[in-house]
Amino acid sequence: MNGLMMDAPLLISTLLEHAERCHGDVEIVSRRVEGGEGDARFHRYTWREAAKRSRQLANALSRLGVKADDRVGTLAWNGYRHLELYYAVSGSGAIIHTVNPRLFPDQVAWIINHAEDKVLFFDINLAPLVEKLAPQCTSVKTWVAMTDAAHKPTQAIPNLVCFEDLIAAENDDYAWPQFDEKQAAGLCYTSGTTGNPKGVLYSHRSSLLHAYGSCLPDALNISSRDVALPIVPMFHVNAWGMPYSAALVGCKFVLPGPALDGASLCELFNREGVTFSAGVPTVWLGMLQYVRETGIKPEALERCIVGGSACPPSLFEAFEKELGVLLKPGWGMTEMSPLGSVNSLAPKHEALPEAQRRAQALKAGKLVFGVAAKIVDGDGKPLPNDGVAFGDLLVRGPWVIERYYKGEGSPLVDGWFPTGDVATIDADGFIGITDRSKDVIKSGGEWISSIDLENIAMSHPAVAEAAVIGVAHPKWDERPIVVAVLRQGATVTREELLAHFDGKIAKWWLPDDVAFVDELPHTATGKVQKLKLRQSFSDYKLAG
């Protein structure tokens, strides 16, 4: 017997309708890509106005020939026009494809062609890139500069129109269509560290459920009382879903554009009273450095999510003690929409001794309702959730990928998605990521966690950033070395840094050497490129 309830589809357009109806006068503030002076640097309007312009944009998309299931690409930063595209494209039944402009141009072109984008919208500071891409991207029929006629790019871009001209030609008389909630809504590509990137195709249902899950008190804990600013780009897994979460709760939403340096972020935090933000460790490290140099703090900021890579303990402590801000680790993947876990301590954890409480707070966090996880050994046998055993981490849930775009195979193993992470899970469902499976160091048949060693290295006051990789060893197969970037003006010797590890790890985990470099290679999403580091040190020799 079925229940006797309405069958209303979970559609992205309903988020915007809700924000317009219940939070219509709440502000959305964006740093303009066009620049300007003083207050003119910022665009300010409301959820009501965003909804109106999104309907106008949906009419414009129809006039451009965009139909259901067509892919509409974006090369854009976090801004109000990009937000309108999120709703106009998906809400009309098409698929928004957010493309990462930080990738190599050939890779960007490959992704656009693979997705077969029909129309592509871009921010004007990316016009030089678009000029190079346009001849290679034959599926794109119209290129749209996300600006007004006064700022129209002068580059040689075919079939170029301006966003504001499209909007001005339309009215907001548009009824969001109803369709199956399993219809595709958005497309993101993995970073493609090996081989070509793979497309992850989100549905309306998965995106709505992810938005519900992300707003839970033990997850992002966003409410209408917050002022939220996503530093993580809207081209990186939908800014971790925050454009949807913000509409769901109707909070004030602040979008930083391309200016993600410490000075620009702190200015925006303080101008708008930002209470919540989300970004990768490299961004928070940059902001912390700015605060230390200037003494200017984000006064209203209460809590931040740090994800994308492990949160260094030194960063966590600095935010707590110097800024009075709670830095909460989170974990997820493009294939997971992306949220899997967020670290919100339980009351019993708050009562632990300080060292134990801190160790618990630095884990990747507790599973968000909607995501199930398990760890298995090399033979696929389940391991206990005791917080000690570690193995390959597998997940499943309604916002976890089933197969990649264009039928490029299902990654599932007996219905579970293998994340590529090595982790522990404790009895309370807290995940501790010990490494990526490809980054774990295998020494004498035993595993060494590069993340644990990196955290220790970065706790030294002279170290700004560090990565640990395994290099060939004649006896032990692999041994760890530290590759470190020093803080400006700081000094430390190899021997002093290695001595910093004493008493903090098992002796056989102690790194064999230290290499000092000016900078570490990073991916387009701010993660350290361990593969490139290993290639750079491929000829590095350790004595037997």
Protein backbone atom coordinates (compact mmCIF):
# COMPACT_ATOMS: atom_id res chain seq x y z
CA MET A 1 0.00 0.00 0.00
CA ASN A 2 1.38 3.40 -1.00
CA GLY A 3 1.06 6.50 1.13
CA LEU A 4 -1.58 9.03 0.17
CA MET A 5 0.63 12.10 -0.20
CA MET A 6 1.21 14.53 -3.06
CA ASP A 7 3.89 13.59 -5.55
CA ALA A 8 5.67 16.93 -6.01
CA PRO A 9 8.98 16.67 -7.88
CA LEU A 10 12.14 17.98 -6.22
CA LEU A 11 13.20 20.64 -8.73
CA ILE A 12 15.90 23.30 -8.47
CA SER A 13 13.45 26.01 -9.56
CA THR A 14 11.48 25.45 -6.34
CA LEU A 15 14.47 26.67 -4.31
CA LEU A 16 14.42 30.03 -6.06
CA GLU A 17 10.64 30.26 -5.80
CA HIS A 18 10.93 29.67 -2.06
CA ALA A 19 13.67 32.29 -1.64
CA GLU A 20 11.60 34.82 -3.60
CA ARG A 21 8.42 34.09 -1.67
CA CYS A 22 9.79 33.87 1.87
CA HIS A 23 13.07 35.82 1.79
CA GLY A 24 12.52 38.17 -1.14
CA ASP A 25 14.06 41.26 0.49
CA VAL A 26 17.26 39.50 1.67
CA GLU A 27 20.39 40.74 -0.06
CA ILE A 28 22.78 39.13 -2.54
CA VAL A 29 26.06 41.06 -2.78
CA SER A 30 28.73 40.49 -5.44
CA ARG A 31 32.14 41.94 -6.19
CA ARG A 32 31.91 43.10 -9.79
CA VAL A 33 34.28 41.54 -12.31
CA GLU A 34 34.14 44.86 -14.17
CA GLY A 35 35.84 46.58 -11.22
CA GLY A 36 35.14 50.21 -10.30
CA GLU A 37 35.76 52.58 -7.40
CA GLY A 38 34.32 52.58 -3.89
CA ASP A 39 30.81 51.18 -3.59
CA ALA A 40 30.61 50.83 -7.38
CA ARG A 41 32.89 47.78 -7.07
CA PHE A 42 29.96 45.84 -5.66
CA HIS A 43 26.60 44.80 -7.04
CA ARG A 44 23.75 44.60 -4.57
CA TYR A 45 20.21 43.31 -5.01
CA THR A 46 17.74 40.83 -3.46
CA TRP A 47 16.56 37.27 -3.88
CA ARG A 48 13.35 38.72 -5.35
CA GLU A 49 15.28 40.55 -8.03
CA ALA A 50 17.48 37.51 -8.67
CA ALA A 51 14.37 35.40 -9.25
CA LYS A 52 12.95 37.98 -11.66
CA ARG A 53 16.16 38.17 -13.69
CA SER A 54 16.46 34.37 -13.71
CA ARG A 55 13.05 34.15 -15.36
CA GLN A 56 14.11 36.75 -17.92
CA LEU A 57 17.26 34.72 -18.54
CA ALA A 58 15.23 31.53 -18.99
CA ASN A 59 13.27 33.31 -21.73
CA ALA A 60 16.54 34.45 -23.31
CA LEU A 61 17.90 30.89 -23.30
CA SER A 62 14.79 29.75 -25.13
CA ARG A 63 15.32 32.49 -27.72
CA LEU A 64 18.90 31.25 -28.19
CA GLY A 65 17.50 27.82 -29.03
CA VAL A 66 18.41 26.09 -25.76
CA LYS A 67 16.15 23.09 -25.20
CA ALA A 68 15.72 20.48 -22.47
CA ASP A 69 18.90 18.49 -21.87
CA ASP A 70 21.09 20.93 -23.85
CA ARG A 71 24.33 21.76 -22.06
CA VAL A 72 24.99 25.42 -21.26
CA GLY A 73 28.58 26.09 -20.23
CA THR A 74 29.97 28.70 -17.87
CA LEU A 75 33.51 30.02 -17.42
CA ALA A 76 32.83 32.32 -14.52
CA TRP A 77 33.63 33.31 -10.95
CA ASN A 78 31.28 33.60 -7.99
CA GLY A 79 28.91 36.40 -8.94
CA TYR A 80 25.24 37.31 -9.26
CA ARG A 81 25.02 36.58 -12.99
CA HIS A 82 26.49 33.13 -12.45
CA LEU A 83 23.91 32.56 -9.71
CA GLU A 84 21.12 33.51 -12.13
CA LEU A 85 22.48 30.99 -14.63
CA TYR A 86 22.38 28.25 -11.99
CA TYR A 87 18.61 28.69 -11.75
CA ALA A 88 17.67 29.76 -15.28
CA VAL A 89 19.50 26.90 -16.99
CA SER A 90 18.53 24.03 -14.70
CA GLY A 91 15.11 25.44 -13.92
CA SER A 92 14.22 25.53 -17.63
CA GLY A 93 15.18 21.87 -18.06
CA ALA A 94 18.64 22.36 -19.58
CA ILE A 95 21.93 21.36 -17.94
CA ILE A 96 24.38 23.87 -16.49
CA HIS A 97 27.99 22.86 -17.11
CA THR A 98 30.41 24.78 -14.90
CA VAL A 99 33.92 24.74 -16.41
CA ASN A 100 37.08 25.43 -14.42
CA PRO A 101 39.00 28.28 -16.12
CA ARG A 102 42.14 27.48 -14.12
CA LEU A 103 42.78 24.31 -16.10
CA PHE A 104 45.12 24.26 -19.08
CA PRO A 105 43.39 25.73 -22.17
CA ASP A 106 43.62 22.45 -24.10
CA GLN A 107 41.93 20.65 -21.22
CA VAL A 108 39.21 23.32 -21.00
CA ALA A 109 38.55 22.93 -24.73
CA TRP A 110 38.42 19.14 -24.38
CA ILE A 111 35.86 19.39 -21.57
CA ILE A 112 33.63 21.84 -23.49
CA ASN A 113 33.72 19.61 -26.58
CA HIS A 114 33.06 16.46 -24.58
CA ALA A 115 30.05 18.09 -22.94
CA GLU A 116 28.92 19.50 -26.31
CA ASP A 117 27.99 22.85 -24.80
CA LYS A 118 25.58 24.74 -27.04
CA VAL A 119 25.95 28.17 -25.43
CA LEU A 120 28.79 29.31 -23.23
CA PHE A 121 28.72 32.23 -20.77
CA PHE A 122 31.98 33.78 -19.56
CA ASP A 123 33.23 36.54 -17.28
CA ILE A 124 34.99 39.34 -19.15
CA ASN A 125 38.39 38.87 -17.49
CA LEU A 126 38.41 35.43 -19.13
CA ALA A 127 37.87 36.84 -22.64
CA PRO A 128 41.51 36.23 -23.69
CA LEU A 129 41.08 32.56 -22.79
CA VAL A 130 37.76 32.38 -24.68
CA GLU A 131 39.38 33.91 -27.78
CA LYS A 132 41.83 30.99 -27.81
CA LEU A 133 39.12 28.41 -27.07
CA ALA A 134 36.47 29.51 -29.57
CA PRO A 135 38.06 28.05 -32.74
CA GLN A 136 38.40 24.66 -31.02
CA CYS A 137 34.89 24.49 -29.52
CA THR A 138 32.71 23.74 -32.52
CA SER A 139 29.58 22.80 -30.56
CA VAL A 140 29.26 26.30 -29.07
CA LYS A 141 26.88 28.35 -31.22
CA THR A 142 26.76 31.47 -29.04
CA TRP A 143 29.31 33.03 -26.68
CA VAL A 144 27.85 35.32 -24.02
CA ALA A 145 29.98 37.87 -22.17
CA MET A 146 28.60 38.23 -18.64
CA THR A 147 28.49 42.03 -18.68
CA ASP A 148 26.77 45.02 -20.28
CA ALA A 149 27.41 46.63 -23.65
CA ALA A 150 29.76 49.21 -22.13
CA HIS A 151 32.17 46.45 -21.07
CA LYS A 152 31.80 44.17 -24.08
CA PRO A 153 35.12 42.40 -24.79
CA THR A 154 37.10 43.49 -27.83
CA GLN A 155 38.63 40.08 -28.49
CA ALA A 156 37.82 38.25 -31.71
CA ILE A 157 35.08 35.95 -30.39
CA PRO A 158 32.46 34.69 -32.89
CA ASN A 159 28.72 35.06 -32.28
CA LEU A 160 29.36 37.22 -29.21
CA VAL A 161 26.50 38.82 -27.29
CA CYS A 162 26.28 40.53 -23.91
CA PHE A 163 24.39 39.11 -20.93
CA GLU A 164 22.59 42.35 -20.10
CA ASP A 165 21.42 42.77 -23.70
CA LEU A 166 19.86 39.29 -23.52
CA ILE A 167 18.12 40.13 -20.24
CA ALA A 168 16.86 43.52 -21.42
CA ALA A 169 15.10 41.98 -24.42
CA GLU A 170 12.96 39.70 -22.25
CA ASN A 171 10.24 40.04 -19.64
CA ASP A 172 9.94 37.90 -16.52
CA ASP A 173 6.71 36.21 -17.59
CA TYR A 174 8.02 32.66 -17.37
CA ALA A 175 6.51 29.61 -15.64
CA TRP A 176 9.13 27.12 -14.50
CA PRO A 177 8.32 23.82 -16.21
CA GLN A 178 7.51 20.66 -14.28
CA PHE A 179 9.34 17.45 -15.14
CA ASP A 180 10.78 14.30 -13.59
CA GLU A 181 13.02 15.12 -10.63
CA LYS A 182 15.57 12.59 -11.91
CA GLN A 183 16.21 14.77 -14.98
CA ALA A 184 19.79 16.03 -15.26
CA ALA A 185 20.44 19.48 -13.79
CA GLY A 186 24.18 20.08 -13.67
CA LEU A 187 27.45 18.73 -15.04
CA CYS A 188 30.87 18.94 -13.39
CA TYR A 189 34.10 17.28 -14.48
CA THR A 190 36.62 15.69 -12.17
CA SER A 191 40.06 17.25 -12.08
CA GLY A 192 41.45 14.43 -14.22
CA THR A 193 44.77 13.84 -12.48
CA THR A 194 45.17 10.68 -14.57
CA GLY A 195 43.75 10.50 -18.09
CA ASN A 196 40.96 12.75 -19.30
CA PRO A 197 38.49 14.27 -16.81
CA LYS A 198 35.20 12.45 -16.33
CA GLY A 199 31.79 14.10 -16.24
CA VAL A 200 29.56 13.82 -13.18
CA LEU A 201 25.93 14.50 -14.04
CA TYR A 202 23.76 15.66 -11.13
CA SER A 203 19.97 15.39 -11.12
CA HIS A 204 17.43 17.81 -9.69
CA ARG A 205 16.60 15.21 -7.04
CA SER A 206 20.20 14.66 -5.99
CA SER A 207 20.91 18.40 -5.84
CA LEU A 208 17.81 19.12 -3.74
CA LEU A 209 18.52 16.30 -1.31
CA HIS A 210 22.13 17.46 -1.05
CA ALA A 211 20.90 20.97 -0.23
CA TYR A 212 18.65 19.62 2.52
CA GLY A 213 21.51 17.54 3.95
CA SER A 214 24.06 20.34 3.81
CA CYS A 215 21.88 22.73 5.83
CA LEU A 216 21.48 20.34 8.77
CA PRO A 217 22.79 21.69 12.12
CA ASP A 218 25.59 19.11 12.25
CA ALA A 219 26.54 19.84 8.63
CA LEU A 220 27.03 23.40 7.30
CA ASN A 221 24.39 24.65 9.75
CA ILE A 222 23.33 27.53 7.49
CA SER A 223 20.15 29.42 8.37
CA SER A 224 18.37 32.63 7.41
CA ARG A 225 20.27 34.36 10.22
CA ASP A 226 23.62 33.79 8.47
CA VAL A 227 25.56 35.86 6.02
CA ALA A 228 27.25 33.22 3.85
CA LEU A 229 30.20 33.68 1.50
CA PRO A 230 31.46 30.74 -0.58
CA ILE A 231 35.15 31.17 -1.37
CA VAL A 232 35.16 27.78 -3.07
CA PRO A 233 34.36 28.60 -6.72
CA MET A 234 31.00 27.95 -8.32
CA PHE A 235 32.91 26.02 -11.01
CA HIS A 236 34.22 23.62 -8.35
CA VAL A 237 31.43 21.16 -7.48
CA ASN A 238 28.83 23.94 -7.45
CA ALA A 239 30.65 25.87 -4.69
CA TRP A 240 29.98 22.81 -2.52
CA GLY A 241 26.24 23.28 -3.17
CA MET A 242 26.04 26.66 -1.43
CA PRO A 243 24.07 28.48 -4.20
CA TYR A 244 21.30 25.95 -3.54
CA SER A 245 21.69 25.88 0.26
CA ALA A 246 21.57 29.68 0.46
CA ALA A 247 18.28 29.80 -1.45
CA LEU A 248 16.83 26.97 0.64
CA VAL A 249 17.32 28.93 3.89
CA GLY A 250 17.11 32.42 2.39
CA CYS A 251 20.29 33.79 3.93
CA LYS A 252 22.18 36.86 2.82
CA PHE A 253 24.58 35.63 0.14
CA VAL A 254 27.92 37.28 -0.60
CA LEU A 255 29.89 36.41 -3.74
CA PRO A 256 33.58 37.41 -3.94
CA GLY A 257 34.20 37.31 -7.70
CA PRO A 258 37.78 36.52 -8.73
CA ALA A 259 39.43 38.41 -5.81
CA LEU A 260 40.32 35.69 -3.31
CA ASP A 261 43.38 37.23 -1.69
CA GLY A 262 43.41 37.92 2.05
CA ALA A 263 42.90 41.68 1.73
CA SER A 264 39.92 41.38 -0.63
CA LEU A 265 38.27 38.67 1.44
CA CYS A 266 38.67 40.47 4.76
CA GLU A 267 37.28 43.66 3.22
CA LEU A 268 34.19 41.83 1.99
CA PHE A 269 33.78 39.88 5.25
CA ASN A 270 33.77 43.11 7.24
CA ARG A 271 31.71 45.21 4.79
CA GLU A 272 28.90 42.65 4.74
CA GLY A 273 29.15 41.03 8.19
CA VAL A 274 29.90 37.53 6.89
CA THR A 275 29.28 34.87 9.56
CA PHE A 276 29.97 31.70 7.56
CA SER A 277 32.34 30.78 4.75
CA ALA A 278 33.85 27.78 2.99
CA GLY A 279 37.16 27.23 1.20
CA VAL A 280 40.28 25.14 0.78
CA PRO A 281 43.27 25.31 3.18
CA THR A 282 45.44 27.40 0.84
CA VAL A 283 42.85 30.20 0.88
CA TRP A 284 42.61 30.18 4.68
CA LEU A 285 46.40 30.16 4.98
CA GLY A 286 46.56 33.23 2.74
CA MET A 287 43.95 35.05 4.77
CA LEU A 288 45.68 34.15 8.03
CA GLN A 289 48.94 35.58 6.71
CA TYR A 290 47.14 38.82 5.80
CA VAL A 291 45.61 39.08 9.29
CA ARG A 292 49.00 38.55 10.91
CA GLU A 293 50.60 41.22 8.72
CA THR A 294 47.89 43.86 9.12
CA GLY A 295 45.98 43.06 12.29
CA ILE A 296 42.72 43.34 10.29
CA LYS A 297 40.41 40.49 11.29
CA PRO A 298 37.06 39.31 9.90
CA GLU A 299 35.08 40.61 12.86
CA ALA A 300 31.69 38.90 12.37
CA LEU A 301 33.03 35.57 11.10
CA GLU A 302 32.00 32.71 13.39
CA ARG A 303 32.76 29.48 11.54
CA CYS A 304 34.26 28.20 8.31
CA ILE A 305 34.29 24.91 6.48
CA VAL A 306 37.71 23.78 5.27
CA GLY A 307 37.78 21.03 2.64
CA GLY A 308 39.43 19.91 -0.55
CA SER A 309 42.44 18.63 1.40
CA ALA A 310 43.28 17.96 5.03
CA CYS A 311 43.15 20.83 7.51
CA PRO A 312 46.60 21.37 9.07
CA PRO A 313 46.35 21.39 12.90
CA SER A 314 48.38 24.60 12.99
CA LEU A 315 45.76 26.34 10.82
CA PHE A 316 42.91 25.04 13.00
CA GLU A 317 44.62 26.33 16.15
CA ALA A 318 45.48 29.71 14.64
CA PHE A 319 41.89 30.35 13.58
CA GLU A 320 40.66 29.39 17.03
CA LYS A 321 43.21 31.35 19.08
CA GLU A 322 44.03 34.33 16.83
CA LEU A 323 40.73 34.92 15.06
CA GLY A 324 38.18 33.35 17.41
CA VAL A 325 36.78 31.43 14.43
CA LEU A 326 35.78 27.76 14.42
CA LEU A 327 37.36 26.01 11.45
CA LYS A 328 35.37 22.85 10.72
CA PRO A 329 36.89 20.17 8.47
CA GLY A 330 34.62 18.65 5.86
CA TRP A 331 35.11 15.92 3.30
CA GLY A 332 33.56 14.99 -0.03
CA MET A 333 34.17 14.60 -3.75
CA THR A 334 32.89 15.80 -7.12
CA GLU A 335 31.26 12.37 -7.42
CA MET A 336 29.41 13.05 -4.14
CA SER A 337 27.90 16.46 -5.03
CA PRO A 338 30.26 16.86 -2.91
CA LEU A 339 29.31 16.60 0.76
CA GLY A 340 30.09 13.42 2.70
CA SER A 341 31.00 14.52 6.21
CA VAL A 342 31.41 17.62 8.37
CA ASN A 343 33.12 17.78 11.75
CA SER A 344 30.59 18.82 14.37
CA LEU A 345 31.65 17.46 17.74
CA ALA A 346 29.15 15.69 19.96
CA PRO A 347 28.70 16.82 23.61
CA LYS A 348 30.78 13.88 24.84
CA HIS A 349 33.69 15.01 22.68
CA GLU A 350 33.64 18.49 24.20
CA ALA A 351 34.29 16.91 27.59
CA LEU A 352 37.44 15.09 26.42
CA PRO A 353 40.92 16.18 27.47
CA GLU A 354 42.18 18.96 25.22
CA ALA A 355 44.55 16.82 23.14
CA GLN A 356 41.87 14.19 22.46
CA ARG A 357 39.23 16.79 21.71
CA ARG A 358 41.55 18.50 19.24
CA ALA A 359 42.36 15.20 17.52
CA GLN A 360 38.64 14.46 17.15
CA ALA A 361 37.94 17.97 15.84
CA LEU A 362 40.56 17.57 13.11
CA LYS A 363 38.98 14.47 11.60
CA ALA A 364 37.13 14.76 8.31
CA GLY A 365 33.92 14.67 10.31
CA LYS A 366 30.73 12.80 10.91
CA LEU A 367 28.76 11.32 8.04
CA VAL A 368 25.91 13.56 6.90
CA PHE A 369 22.53 11.85 6.79
CA GLY A 370 22.11 10.56 3.25
CA VAL A 371 25.64 9.16 2.98
CA ALA A 372 26.60 5.67 4.13
CA ALA A 373 30.26 4.63 4.28
CA LYS A 374 32.42 1.63 5.02
CA ILE A 375 36.10 0.75 4.95
CA VAL A 376 37.51 -2.45 3.45
CA ASP A 377 40.88 -4.14 3.27
CA GLY A 378 42.80 -4.98 0.09
CA ASP A 379 40.57 -8.02 -0.49
CA GLY A 380 37.37 -6.01 -0.15
CA LYS A 381 36.54 -7.40 3.31
CA PRO A 382 34.84 -4.96 5.72
CA LEU A 383 36.95 -3.53 8.53
CA PRO A 384 35.62 -2.51 11.96
CA ASN A 385 34.44 1.02 12.77
CA ASP A 386 36.76 1.32 15.75
CA GLY A 387 38.66 4.46 14.77
CA VAL A 388 41.87 2.41 14.53
CA ALA A 389 41.58 0.09 11.54
CA PHE A 390 42.09 1.90 8.27
CA GLY A 391 41.33 0.81 4.75
CA ASP A 392 39.80 1.87 1.44
CA LEU A 393 36.77 4.13 1.93
CA LEU A 394 33.56 3.33 0.02
CA VAL A 395 30.31 5.34 0.05
CA ARG A 396 26.79 5.28 -1.29
CA GLY A 397 23.74 7.52 -1.13
CA PRO A 398 21.18 9.53 -3.15
CA TRP A 399 23.72 12.22 -4.15
CA VAL A 400 26.58 9.80 -4.95
CA ILE A 401 27.45 9.00 -8.56
CA GLU A 402 26.18 5.79 -10.19
CA ARG A 403 28.06 6.12 -13.49
CA TYR A 404 30.00 8.75 -15.41
CA TYR A 405 28.60 10.99 -18.15
CA LYS A 406 28.25 9.54 -21.67
CA GLY A 407 28.25 5.97 -20.38
CA GLU A 408 31.94 5.92 -19.59
CA GLY A 409 31.57 3.08 -17.15
CA SER A 410 30.24 2.60 -13.64
CA PRO A 411 32.85 2.97 -10.91
CA LEU A 412 30.72 1.08 -8.38
CA VAL A 413 31.90 -2.01 -6.55
CA ASP A 414 28.92 -4.08 -5.35
CA GLY A 415 26.83 -0.91 -5.26
CA TRP A 416 29.44 1.18 -3.43
CA PHE A 417 31.55 4.02 -4.82
CA PRO A 418 35.30 3.63 -4.12
CA THR A 419 36.49 7.11 -3.12
CA GLY A 420 40.21 6.48 -3.50
CA ASP A 421 40.73 7.62 0.10
CA VAL A 422 42.22 5.57 2.90
CA ALA A 423 40.36 6.20 6.15
CA THR A 424 39.28 5.16 9.61
CA ILE A 425 35.68 5.28 10.83
CA ASP A 426 34.94 5.35 14.55
CA ALA A 427 31.90 4.07 16.42
CA ASP A 428 30.19 7.49 16.14
CA GLY A 429 30.55 7.63 12.35
CA PHE A 430 33.45 10.09 12.32
CA ILE A 431 35.77 9.63 9.35
CA GLY A 432 39.50 10.14 9.63
CA ILE A 433 41.18 10.43 6.23
CA THR A 434 44.70 9.03 6.52
CA ASP A 435 45.66 9.43 2.86
CA ARG A 436 44.69 9.12 -0.76
CA SER A 437 45.26 5.51 -1.78
CA LYS A 438 47.69 6.71 -4.47
CA ASP A 439 49.59 8.90 -1.96
CA VAL A 440 49.99 6.47 0.93
CA ILE A 441 53.64 5.56 1.47
CA LYS A 442 54.33 1.83 1.47
CA SER A 443 57.47 1.13 3.47
CA GLY A 444 58.56 -2.42 4.15
CA GLY A 445 55.04 -3.74 3.59
CA GLU A 446 53.51 -1.24 6.05
CA TRP A 447 51.60 1.97 5.31
CA ILE A 448 52.66 5.46 6.41
CA SER A 449 50.17 8.34 6.30
CA SER A 450 51.56 11.32 4.42
CA ILE A 451 48.82 13.54 5.89
CA ASP A 452 49.91 12.86 9.48
CA LEU A 453 53.51 13.71 8.62
CA GLU A 454 52.48 16.88 6.76
CA ASN A 455 50.49 18.07 9.76
CA ILE A 456 53.51 17.68 12.01
CA ALA A 457 55.81 19.46 9.56
CA MET A 458 53.38 22.38 9.24
CA SER A 459 53.15 22.72 13.02
CA HIS A 460 56.76 23.96 13.00
CA PRO A 461 56.68 27.77 13.24
CA ALA A 462 59.11 28.19 10.32
CA VAL A 463 57.07 26.10 7.85
CA ALA A 464 54.40 27.76 5.70
CA GLU A 465 53.39 24.68 3.70
CA ALA A 466 54.62 21.12 3.41
CA ALA A 467 53.98 17.94 1.45
CA VAL A 468 55.25 14.45 2.16
CA ILE A 469 55.89 11.98 -0.64
CA GLY A 470 57.42 8.53 -0.87
CA VAL A 471 60.68 8.10 -2.78
CA ALA A 472 62.40 4.91 -3.82
CA HIS A 473 64.52 3.12 -1.23
CA PRO A 474 66.77 0.10 -1.96
CA LYS A 475 65.65 -1.82 1.14
CA TRP A 476 62.22 -0.52 2.20
CA ASP A 477 60.70 0.06 -1.26
CA GLU A 478 59.58 3.59 -0.29
CA ARG A 479 60.50 6.06 2.41
CA PRO A 480 58.94 9.45 3.23
CA ILE A 481 60.62 12.79 2.60
CA VAL A 482 59.32 16.25 3.52
CA VAL A 483 59.11 18.91 0.82
CA ALA A 484 58.73 22.21 2.67
CA VAL A 485 58.11 25.88 1.93
CA LEU A 486 59.35 28.22 4.66
CA ARG A 487 57.56 31.28 5.98
CA GLN A 488 58.91 34.57 4.72
CA GLY A 489 62.02 35.46 6.71
CA ALA A 490 62.05 32.17 8.67
CA THR A 491 64.85 29.62 8.78
CA VAL A 492 65.12 26.01 9.88
CA THR A 493 67.67 23.31 9.09
CA ARG A 494 67.01 19.80 7.87
CA GLU A 495 68.11 18.41 11.23
CA GLU A 496 65.93 20.82 13.22
CA LEU A 497 62.82 19.99 11.19
CA LEU A 498 63.38 16.24 11.47
CA ALA A 499 63.92 16.63 15.23
CA HIS A 500 60.48 18.27 15.37
CA PHE A 501 58.97 14.84 14.63
CA ASP A 502 60.55 13.18 17.69
CA GLY A 503 58.00 11.71 20.08
CA LYS A 504 55.06 12.51 17.80
CA ILE A 505 55.13 9.37 15.62
CA ALA A 506 56.52 5.85 15.58
CA LYS A 507 60.26 5.95 14.86
CA TRP A 508 59.90 4.00 11.63
CA TRP A 509 57.55 6.72 10.32
CA LEU A 510 60.28 9.39 10.71
CA PRO A 511 60.98 11.03 7.31
CA ASP A 512 64.36 10.21 5.85
CA ASP A 513 65.06 13.65 4.45
CA VAL A 514 63.86 17.23 3.92
CA ALA A 515 63.87 19.23 0.69
CA PHE A 516 63.25 22.98 0.83
CA VAL A 517 61.51 24.57 -2.18
CA ASP A 518 60.18 28.04 -3.01
CA GLU A 519 56.66 26.78 -3.70
CA LEU A 520 54.63 23.61 -4.04
CA PRO A 521 52.70 22.78 -7.22
CA HIS A 522 48.92 23.09 -6.80
CA THR A 523 45.97 21.89 -8.84
CA ALA A 524 43.37 24.27 -10.21
CA THR A 525 41.30 23.67 -7.06
CA GLY A 526 44.13 24.41 -4.61
CA LYS A 527 45.28 20.89 -3.78
CA VAL A 528 48.97 20.01 -3.73
CA GLN A 529 49.89 18.08 -6.87
CA LYS A 530 51.54 15.04 -5.34
CA LEU A 531 51.92 13.42 -8.77
CA LYS A 532 53.96 16.37 -10.05
CA LEU A 533 56.04 16.35 -6.86
CA ARG A 534 56.78 12.65 -7.24
CA GLN A 535 57.79 13.26 -10.85
CA SER A 536 60.10 16.10 -9.78
CA PHE A 537 61.74 13.85 -7.21
CA SER A 538 61.73 10.68 -9.33
CA ASP A 539 65.54 10.63 -9.46
CA TYR A 540 65.92 11.36 -5.76
CA LYS A 541 68.17 8.79 -4.14
CA LEU A 542 68.14 7.64 -0.53
CA ALA A 543 70.97 5.59 0.90
CA GLY A 544 70.27 2.02 1.94
